[in-house]
Every structure is written in structure tokens, then in C-alpha cells.
Amino acid sequence: QVQLVESGGGLVQAGGSLRLSCSASGRTFSSYAMGWFRQAPGKEREFVAAISWSFRSTLYADSVKGRFTISRDNAKNTVYLQMNSLKPEDTAVYYCAARGAKYHSASNYQGDYDYWGQGTQVTVSS
């Protein structure tokens, strides 16, 4: 059983930064692509960023390109989301997700992810 635990959320002013972390346990972390998604109040969950198992590819939603950076540390079984130049519209619950099959590329499709964390709240004040 895979467990994903997010941390690092909080309240920040517009223009500020936060770094989210997602700690994984239960299987060989390095073999699986990872992603971040978010859900704002009253809206559907949406893709934010993803990284392949091999570090070779990353994907970003257009709304966060140039501001957010996804990375991973396989030695620590952790994936990160560095968020800079935050905007009020970035306010959401952020979820970490892991693909279920080994050696797959990064994906922006929620259906490709089999494991999800419980989410961490990010609130950006104007």
C-alpha cells in the first residue's frame, strides 16, 4: 500500500513563496512518476505539475509555468513543489499523486494516478 503525505501548506501574501513536500512510503519511489494537483473551493481538481520517474521530463499547467517548479529526491522518497510569485488564484488544497505503473512518463491526466495524499491547504492573501 502506497502512502503519500503532503506538508508545507499555509497562509502567504501575494508575491510570496511556499514549498510543498510529499513524502512517499510503501514501494520503490524512484520507479514512479509523481504529480501535483489542486482543488479550489467550488471548482474541480486540476493539474499543476508532474515529473517522470527518470527526472527527464516535467509538465506544468500554463497557469503556473515560470512560477512553480517540481522536483524529486529519490533518496528521501520525496517530491517537492516550489511555488514562487504566488497569486490569490493559487489558493486551493494541493494534492500529491503517484502513478500506479512503473517507468511511466509525467502525465497531466488525473486518471493516470492511482495513489493520492490527503492534501494540504495553500491560501494566498491579496
N, C-alpha and C. Protein backbone atom coordinates (compact mmCIF):
# COMPACT_ATOMS: atom_id res chain seq x y z
N GLN A 1 0.84 -1.19 0.00
CA GLN A 1 0.00 0.00 0.00
C GLN A 1 0.87 1.25 0.00
N VAL A 2 0.60 2.15 -0.92
CA VAL A 2 1.36 3.38 -1.01
C VAL A 2 0.71 4.45 -0.14
N GLN A 3 1.52 5.15 0.60
CA GLN A 3 1.04 6.28 1.39
C GLN A 3 1.77 7.54 0.98
N LEU A 4 1.00 8.60 0.77
CA LEU A 4 1.55 9.90 0.40
C LEU A 4 1.10 10.91 1.44
N VAL A 5 2.05 11.67 1.96
CA VAL A 5 1.73 12.66 2.98
C VAL A 5 2.31 14.00 2.56
N GLU A 6 1.41 14.97 2.35
CA GLU A 6 1.84 16.31 1.96
C GLU A 6 2.08 17.17 3.19
N SER A 7 2.95 18.15 3.03
CA SER A 7 3.19 19.14 4.07
C SER A 7 3.69 20.42 3.43
N GLY A 8 3.72 21.49 4.21
CA GLY A 8 4.28 22.74 3.73
C GLY A 8 3.26 23.80 3.35
N GLY A 9 1.98 23.45 3.40
CA GLY A 9 0.97 24.44 3.07
C GLY A 9 0.86 25.50 4.15
N GLY A 10 0.09 26.55 3.85
CA GLY A 10 -0.09 27.61 4.83
C GLY A 10 -0.65 28.86 4.21
N LEU A 11 -0.58 29.94 4.96
CA LEU A 11 -1.08 31.24 4.52
C LEU A 11 0.10 32.11 4.12
N VAL A 12 0.03 32.72 2.96
CA VAL A 12 1.11 33.56 2.46
C VAL A 12 0.51 34.74 1.71
N GLN A 13 1.20 35.85 1.71
CA GLN A 13 0.74 37.02 0.96
C GLN A 13 1.05 36.86 -0.52
N ALA A 14 0.28 37.53 -1.33
CA ALA A 14 0.53 37.52 -2.77
C ALA A 14 1.97 37.96 -3.05
N GLY A 15 2.62 37.27 -3.97
CA GLY A 15 4.01 37.53 -4.28
C GLY A 15 4.99 36.71 -3.48
N GLY A 16 4.49 36.03 -2.46
CA GLY A 16 5.34 35.21 -1.61
C GLY A 16 5.59 33.83 -2.18
N SER A 17 6.27 33.00 -1.38
CA SER A 17 6.66 31.66 -1.82
C SER A 17 6.33 30.63 -0.75
N LEU A 18 6.10 29.42 -1.21
CA LEU A 18 5.94 28.26 -0.34
C LEU A 18 6.57 27.06 -1.03
N ARG A 19 7.03 26.10 -0.24
CA ARG A 19 7.49 24.84 -0.80
C ARG A 19 6.69 23.71 -0.19
N LEU A 20 6.01 22.99 -1.03
CA LEU A 20 5.26 21.82 -0.59
C LEU A 20 6.13 20.58 -0.72
N SER A 21 5.95 19.66 0.22
CA SER A 21 6.65 18.39 0.19
C SER A 21 5.64 17.26 0.21
N CYS A 22 6.00 16.16 -0.43
CA CYS A 22 5.16 14.97 -0.41
C CYS A 22 6.07 13.78 -0.13
N SER A 23 5.87 13.17 1.01
CA SER A 23 6.67 12.03 1.41
C SER A 23 5.93 10.74 1.06
N ALA A 24 6.64 9.84 0.38
CA ALA A 24 6.02 8.60 -0.07
C ALA A 24 6.60 7.41 0.67
N SER A 25 5.75 6.42 0.90
CA SER A 25 6.21 5.19 1.53
C SER A 25 5.41 4.03 0.97
N GLY A 26 5.97 2.84 1.08
CA GLY A 26 5.23 1.65 0.69
C GLY A 26 5.70 0.97 -0.57
N ARG A 27 6.58 1.62 -1.34
CA ARG A 27 7.11 0.97 -2.53
C ARG A 27 8.34 1.72 -2.99
N THR A 28 8.95 1.25 -4.08
CA THR A 28 10.15 1.89 -4.61
C THR A 28 9.78 3.20 -5.28
N PHE A 29 9.98 4.26 -4.57
CA PHE A 29 9.57 5.59 -5.01
C PHE A 29 10.18 5.97 -6.35
N SER A 30 11.44 5.63 -6.56
CA SER A 30 12.18 6.12 -7.72
C SER A 30 11.63 5.61 -9.04
N SER A 31 10.81 4.58 -9.05
CA SER A 31 10.33 3.99 -10.30
C SER A 31 9.03 4.60 -10.82
N TYR A 32 8.48 5.58 -10.10
CA TYR A 32 7.13 6.06 -10.43
C TYR A 32 7.08 7.56 -10.66
N ALA A 33 6.33 7.94 -11.67
CA ALA A 33 6.10 9.35 -11.92
C ALA A 33 5.19 9.92 -10.82
N MET A 34 5.38 11.19 -10.54
CA MET A 34 4.64 11.85 -9.47
C MET A 34 4.01 13.14 -10.00
N GLY A 35 2.92 13.55 -9.39
CA GLY A 35 2.26 14.76 -9.83
C GLY A 35 1.68 15.56 -8.68
N TRP A 36 1.40 16.81 -8.97
CA TRP A 36 0.69 17.69 -8.03
C TRP A 36 -0.58 18.18 -8.72
N PHE A 37 -1.66 18.17 -7.97
CA PHE A 37 -2.94 18.69 -8.44
C PHE A 37 -3.48 19.62 -7.37
N ARG A 38 -4.48 20.41 -7.72
CA ARG A 38 -5.07 21.29 -6.72
C ARG A 38 -6.56 21.44 -6.96
N GLN A 39 -7.27 21.77 -5.89
CA GLN A 39 -8.71 21.98 -5.98
C GLN A 39 -9.09 23.20 -5.17
N ALA A 40 -9.60 24.20 -5.87
CA ALA A 40 -10.07 25.42 -5.23
C ALA A 40 -11.54 25.24 -4.84
N PRO A 41 -12.01 26.01 -3.88
CA PRO A 41 -13.42 25.90 -3.46
C PRO A 41 -14.38 26.08 -4.62
N GLY A 42 -15.31 25.15 -4.78
CA GLY A 42 -16.31 25.24 -5.83
C GLY A 42 -15.82 24.87 -7.21
N LYS A 43 -14.57 24.41 -7.30
CA LYS A 43 -14.02 24.06 -8.61
C LYS A 43 -13.57 22.61 -8.63
N GLU A 44 -13.39 22.09 -9.83
CA GLU A 44 -12.89 20.73 -9.96
C GLU A 44 -11.38 20.70 -9.72
N ARG A 45 -10.91 19.52 -9.35
CA ARG A 45 -9.48 19.36 -9.16
C ARG A 45 -8.77 19.50 -10.52
N GLU A 46 -7.63 20.18 -10.50
CA GLU A 46 -6.91 20.44 -11.75
C GLU A 46 -5.43 20.10 -11.61
N PHE A 47 -4.83 19.84 -12.74
CA PHE A 47 -3.41 19.51 -12.80
C PHE A 47 -2.56 20.75 -12.53
N VAL A 48 -1.45 20.53 -11.82
CA VAL A 48 -0.50 21.61 -11.56
C VAL A 48 0.86 21.30 -12.19
N ALA A 49 1.45 20.16 -11.80
CA ALA A 49 2.78 19.82 -12.29
C ALA A 49 3.01 18.33 -12.12
N ALA A 50 3.93 17.78 -12.92
CA ALA A 50 4.27 16.37 -12.82
C ALA A 50 5.72 16.17 -13.21
N ILE A 51 6.31 15.08 -12.70
CA ILE A 51 7.69 14.76 -13.00
C ILE A 51 7.80 13.27 -13.25
N SER A 52 8.59 12.90 -14.25
CA SER A 52 8.74 11.49 -14.58
C SER A 52 9.61 10.79 -13.56
N TRP A 53 9.61 9.46 -13.64
CA TRP A 53 10.42 8.68 -12.71
C TRP A 53 11.90 8.92 -12.93
N SER A 54 12.28 9.25 -14.17
CA SER A 54 13.68 9.37 -14.56
C SER A 54 14.21 10.78 -14.47
N PHE A 55 13.42 11.74 -13.99
CA PHE A 55 13.79 13.16 -13.93
C PHE A 55 13.84 13.81 -15.32
N ARG A 56 13.65 13.03 -16.39
CA ARG A 56 13.89 13.58 -17.72
C ARG A 56 12.79 14.50 -18.20
N SER A 57 11.62 14.35 -17.66
CA SER A 57 10.54 15.21 -18.16
C SER A 57 9.70 15.77 -17.02
N THR A 58 9.30 17.00 -17.20
CA THR A 58 8.38 17.65 -16.29
C THR A 58 7.26 18.29 -17.12
N LEU A 59 6.12 18.43 -16.50
CA LEU A 59 4.98 19.08 -17.13
C LEU A 59 4.42 20.11 -16.17
N TYR A 60 3.91 21.19 -16.73
CA TYR A 60 3.32 22.23 -15.91
C TYR A 60 2.03 22.73 -16.55
N ALA A 61 1.08 23.08 -15.71
CA ALA A 61 -0.10 23.79 -16.20
C ALA A 61 0.33 25.18 -16.66
N ASP A 62 -0.32 25.69 -17.67
CA ASP A 62 0.04 27.02 -18.18
C ASP A 62 -0.04 28.08 -17.09
N SER A 63 -0.97 27.91 -16.19
CA SER A 63 -1.20 28.92 -15.15
C SER A 63 -0.05 29.03 -14.15
N VAL A 64 0.82 28.01 -14.10
CA VAL A 64 1.91 28.04 -13.11
C VAL A 64 3.29 28.04 -13.75
N LYS A 65 3.37 27.93 -15.06
CA LYS A 65 4.66 27.90 -15.74
C LYS A 65 5.46 29.16 -15.41
N GLY A 66 6.74 28.93 -15.12
CA GLY A 66 7.60 30.05 -14.79
C GLY A 66 7.54 30.48 -13.33
N ARG A 67 6.55 29.98 -12.59
CA ARG A 67 6.42 30.33 -11.17
C ARG A 67 6.62 29.12 -10.26
N PHE A 68 6.18 27.96 -10.69
CA PHE A 68 6.27 26.74 -9.88
C PHE A 68 7.34 25.82 -10.46
N THR A 69 7.99 25.07 -9.59
CA THR A 69 8.98 24.08 -10.01
C THR A 69 8.76 22.79 -9.24
N ILE A 70 8.63 21.69 -9.99
CA ILE A 70 8.51 20.39 -9.36
C ILE A 70 9.87 19.71 -9.38
N SER A 71 10.19 19.00 -8.30
CA SER A 71 11.45 18.28 -8.23
C SER A 71 11.25 17.06 -7.33
N ARG A 72 12.25 16.18 -7.36
CA ARG A 72 12.14 14.99 -6.51
C ARG A 72 13.50 14.61 -5.98
N ASP A 73 13.49 14.01 -4.81
CA ASP A 73 14.71 13.49 -4.19
C ASP A 73 14.43 12.02 -3.90
N ASN A 74 14.92 11.16 -4.76
CA ASN A 74 14.60 9.73 -4.61
C ASN A 74 15.24 9.13 -3.36
N ALA A 75 16.34 9.69 -2.93
CA ALA A 75 16.97 9.18 -1.71
C ALA A 75 16.09 9.43 -0.48
N LYS A 76 15.27 10.47 -0.56
CA LYS A 76 14.39 10.81 0.56
C LYS A 76 12.95 10.42 0.30
N ASN A 77 12.68 9.79 -0.85
CA ASN A 77 11.31 9.40 -1.21
C ASN A 77 10.36 10.59 -1.14
N THR A 78 10.81 11.71 -1.66
CA THR A 78 10.05 12.94 -1.52
C THR A 78 9.99 13.69 -2.84
N VAL A 79 8.83 14.25 -3.12
CA VAL A 79 8.66 15.15 -4.26
C VAL A 79 8.28 16.52 -3.72
N TYR A 80 8.77 17.55 -4.38
CA TYR A 80 8.57 18.92 -3.91
C TYR A 80 7.85 19.75 -4.97
N LEU A 81 7.19 20.79 -4.50
CA LEU A 81 6.62 21.79 -5.39
C LEU A 81 7.00 23.15 -4.84
N GLN A 82 7.97 23.79 -5.49
CA GLN A 82 8.38 25.13 -5.11
C GLN A 82 7.46 26.12 -5.81
N MET A 83 6.79 26.94 -5.03
CA MET A 83 5.81 27.88 -5.58
C MET A 83 6.27 29.30 -5.28
N ASN A 84 6.57 30.05 -6.33
CA ASN A 84 7.00 31.43 -6.20
C ASN A 84 5.98 32.36 -6.83
N SER A 85 6.10 33.63 -6.51
CA SER A 85 5.19 34.65 -7.07
C SER A 85 3.74 34.21 -6.96
N LEU A 86 3.37 33.79 -5.78
CA LEU A 86 2.02 33.27 -5.58
C LEU A 86 0.96 34.33 -5.77
N LYS A 87 -0.17 33.89 -6.28
CA LYS A 87 -1.31 34.77 -6.56
C LYS A 87 -2.52 34.28 -5.76
N PRO A 88 -3.47 35.15 -5.49
CA PRO A 88 -4.68 34.71 -4.79
C PRO A 88 -5.38 33.55 -5.49
N GLU A 89 -5.29 33.51 -6.80
CA GLU A 89 -5.94 32.42 -7.55
C GLU A 89 -5.23 31.08 -7.39
N ASP A 90 -4.08 31.06 -6.74
CA ASP A 90 -3.40 29.81 -6.43
C ASP A 90 -3.97 29.17 -5.15
N THR A 91 -4.85 29.86 -4.47
CA THR A 91 -5.45 29.32 -3.26
C THR A 91 -6.23 28.05 -3.58
N ALA A 92 -5.88 26.97 -2.87
CA ALA A 92 -6.50 25.67 -3.12
C ALA A 92 -5.95 24.65 -2.13
N VAL A 93 -6.58 23.49 -2.13
CA VAL A 93 -5.97 22.33 -1.49
C VAL A 93 -5.10 21.65 -2.53
N TYR A 94 -3.84 21.42 -2.18
CA TYR A 94 -2.89 20.82 -3.10
C TYR A 94 -2.70 19.35 -2.74
N TYR A 95 -2.79 18.50 -3.77
CA TYR A 95 -2.69 17.06 -3.59
C TYR A 95 -1.48 16.51 -4.33
N CYS A 96 -0.80 15.61 -3.69
CA CYS A 96 0.27 14.84 -4.30
C CYS A 96 -0.31 13.54 -4.83
N ALA A 97 0.20 13.06 -5.96
CA ALA A 97 -0.31 11.83 -6.54
C ALA A 97 0.83 11.03 -7.14
N ALA A 98 0.66 9.71 -7.16
CA ALA A 98 1.67 8.81 -7.72
C ALA A 98 1.03 7.91 -8.77
N ARG A 99 1.73 7.71 -9.87
CA ARG A 99 1.24 6.79 -10.89
C ARG A 99 1.39 5.36 -10.39
N GLY A 100 0.49 4.50 -10.85
CA GLY A 100 0.49 3.13 -10.36
C GLY A 100 1.44 2.21 -11.08
N ALA A 101 1.86 2.58 -12.30
CA ALA A 101 2.71 1.69 -13.08
C ALA A 101 4.13 2.24 -13.12
N LYS A 102 5.08 1.34 -13.15
CA LYS A 102 6.48 1.75 -13.16
C LYS A 102 6.90 2.37 -14.49
N TYR A 103 7.90 3.23 -14.39
CA TYR A 103 8.63 3.74 -15.55
C TYR A 103 7.75 4.49 -16.55
N HIS A 104 6.68 5.07 -16.07
CA HIS A 104 5.84 5.87 -16.95
C HIS A 104 6.27 7.33 -16.89
N SER A 105 5.89 8.06 -17.92
CA SER A 105 6.28 9.45 -18.00
C SER A 105 5.37 10.31 -17.13
N ALA A 106 5.72 11.56 -17.04
CA ALA A 106 4.86 12.51 -16.35
C ALA A 106 3.54 12.64 -17.11
N SER A 107 2.47 12.87 -16.38
CA SER A 107 1.15 12.97 -17.01
C SER A 107 0.33 14.08 -16.35
N ASN A 108 -0.49 14.75 -17.14
CA ASN A 108 -1.38 15.77 -16.60
C ASN A 108 -2.81 15.23 -16.45
N TYR A 109 -2.99 13.94 -16.63
CA TYR A 109 -4.31 13.33 -16.57
C TYR A 109 -4.51 12.66 -15.22
N GLN A 110 -5.53 13.07 -14.49
CA GLN A 110 -5.74 12.56 -13.15
C GLN A 110 -5.95 11.06 -13.12
N GLY A 111 -6.57 10.53 -14.19
CA GLY A 111 -6.85 9.10 -14.23
C GLY A 111 -5.62 8.22 -14.30
N ASP A 112 -4.47 8.82 -14.61
CA ASP A 112 -3.23 8.06 -14.67
C ASP A 112 -2.63 7.83 -13.28
N TYR A 113 -3.17 8.48 -12.28
CA TYR A 113 -2.60 8.41 -10.94
C TYR A 113 -3.48 7.52 -10.05
N ASP A 114 -2.84 6.59 -9.39
CA ASP A 114 -3.57 5.62 -8.58
C ASP A 114 -3.54 5.92 -7.09
N TYR A 115 -2.60 6.72 -6.66
CA TYR A 115 -2.44 6.98 -5.24
C TYR A 115 -2.43 8.48 -4.99
N TRP A 116 -3.14 8.87 -3.92
CA TRP A 116 -3.31 10.29 -3.62
C TRP A 116 -3.06 10.55 -2.13
N GLY A 117 -2.50 11.73 -1.86
CA GLY A 117 -2.38 12.15 -0.48
C GLY A 117 -3.66 12.80 0.00
N GLN A 118 -3.62 13.25 1.24
CA GLN A 118 -4.81 13.82 1.85
C GLN A 118 -4.98 15.31 1.54
N GLY A 119 -3.93 15.92 1.03
CA GLY A 119 -3.99 17.32 0.64
C GLY A 119 -3.46 18.27 1.69
N THR A 120 -2.97 19.41 1.25
CA THR A 120 -2.51 20.46 2.16
C THR A 120 -3.05 21.79 1.63
N GLN A 121 -3.54 22.61 2.56
CA GLN A 121 -4.17 23.87 2.18
C GLN A 121 -3.14 24.95 1.92
N VAL A 122 -3.29 25.63 0.80
CA VAL A 122 -2.49 26.81 0.48
C VAL A 122 -3.45 27.98 0.30
N THR A 123 -3.23 29.03 1.06
CA THR A 123 -4.06 30.21 0.99
C THR A 123 -3.19 31.42 0.70
N VAL A 124 -3.50 32.13 -0.37
CA VAL A 124 -2.74 33.31 -0.77
C VAL A 124 -3.63 34.54 -0.59
N SER A 125 -3.21 35.43 0.27
CA SER A 125 -4.00 36.64 0.53
C SER A 125 -3.54 37.77 -0.38
N SER A 126 -4.48 38.63 -0.73
CA SER A 126 -4.16 39.74 -1.63
C SER A 126 -3.72 40.96 -0.86
